[in-house]
């Protein structure tokens, strides 16, 4: 686990360096492809990258998310402060997109008009994007092609 990429796979490392050089020499006009600061790259390659944290602060689907909860709460607080918003009156979602949009794209490509897709229940290997029934009995996120 302590071997660097340059040591474990010099070919991939060379490609990473080549891409970095390409980016330095070009002008990217796509906002999502702009340069990322060293601080952001460090955060993105931190141990948080190893942790899955589906759900909300204090109500996660998986265990071991106490520190992730602290991080997300701090991000929410900072996002609201950035816009001068009171956290007792406002909320913000700082969670990134995941595979959910990919699932949705597949569903819309495969399901015909008014079609339905059956998904597994969460404890049986399903995913929230497949739809689930909340403890209240309310169906949540069930996909239906209109």
Foldseek 3Di string as FASTA:
>chain_A
DPDDCCRPPVVVVVVVVVVVVVLVPDDDPPVVPDDDDPVVVPVCPDPVVVDDFPDAQPDTPDPPCPVVSVVQVVVFVVVCVVVPHDPVVDGDDPDDDDCLVVVVVVCVVPADAFGFDQFDEVVVPGDVCCWYQDPVRDIPNGDTHD
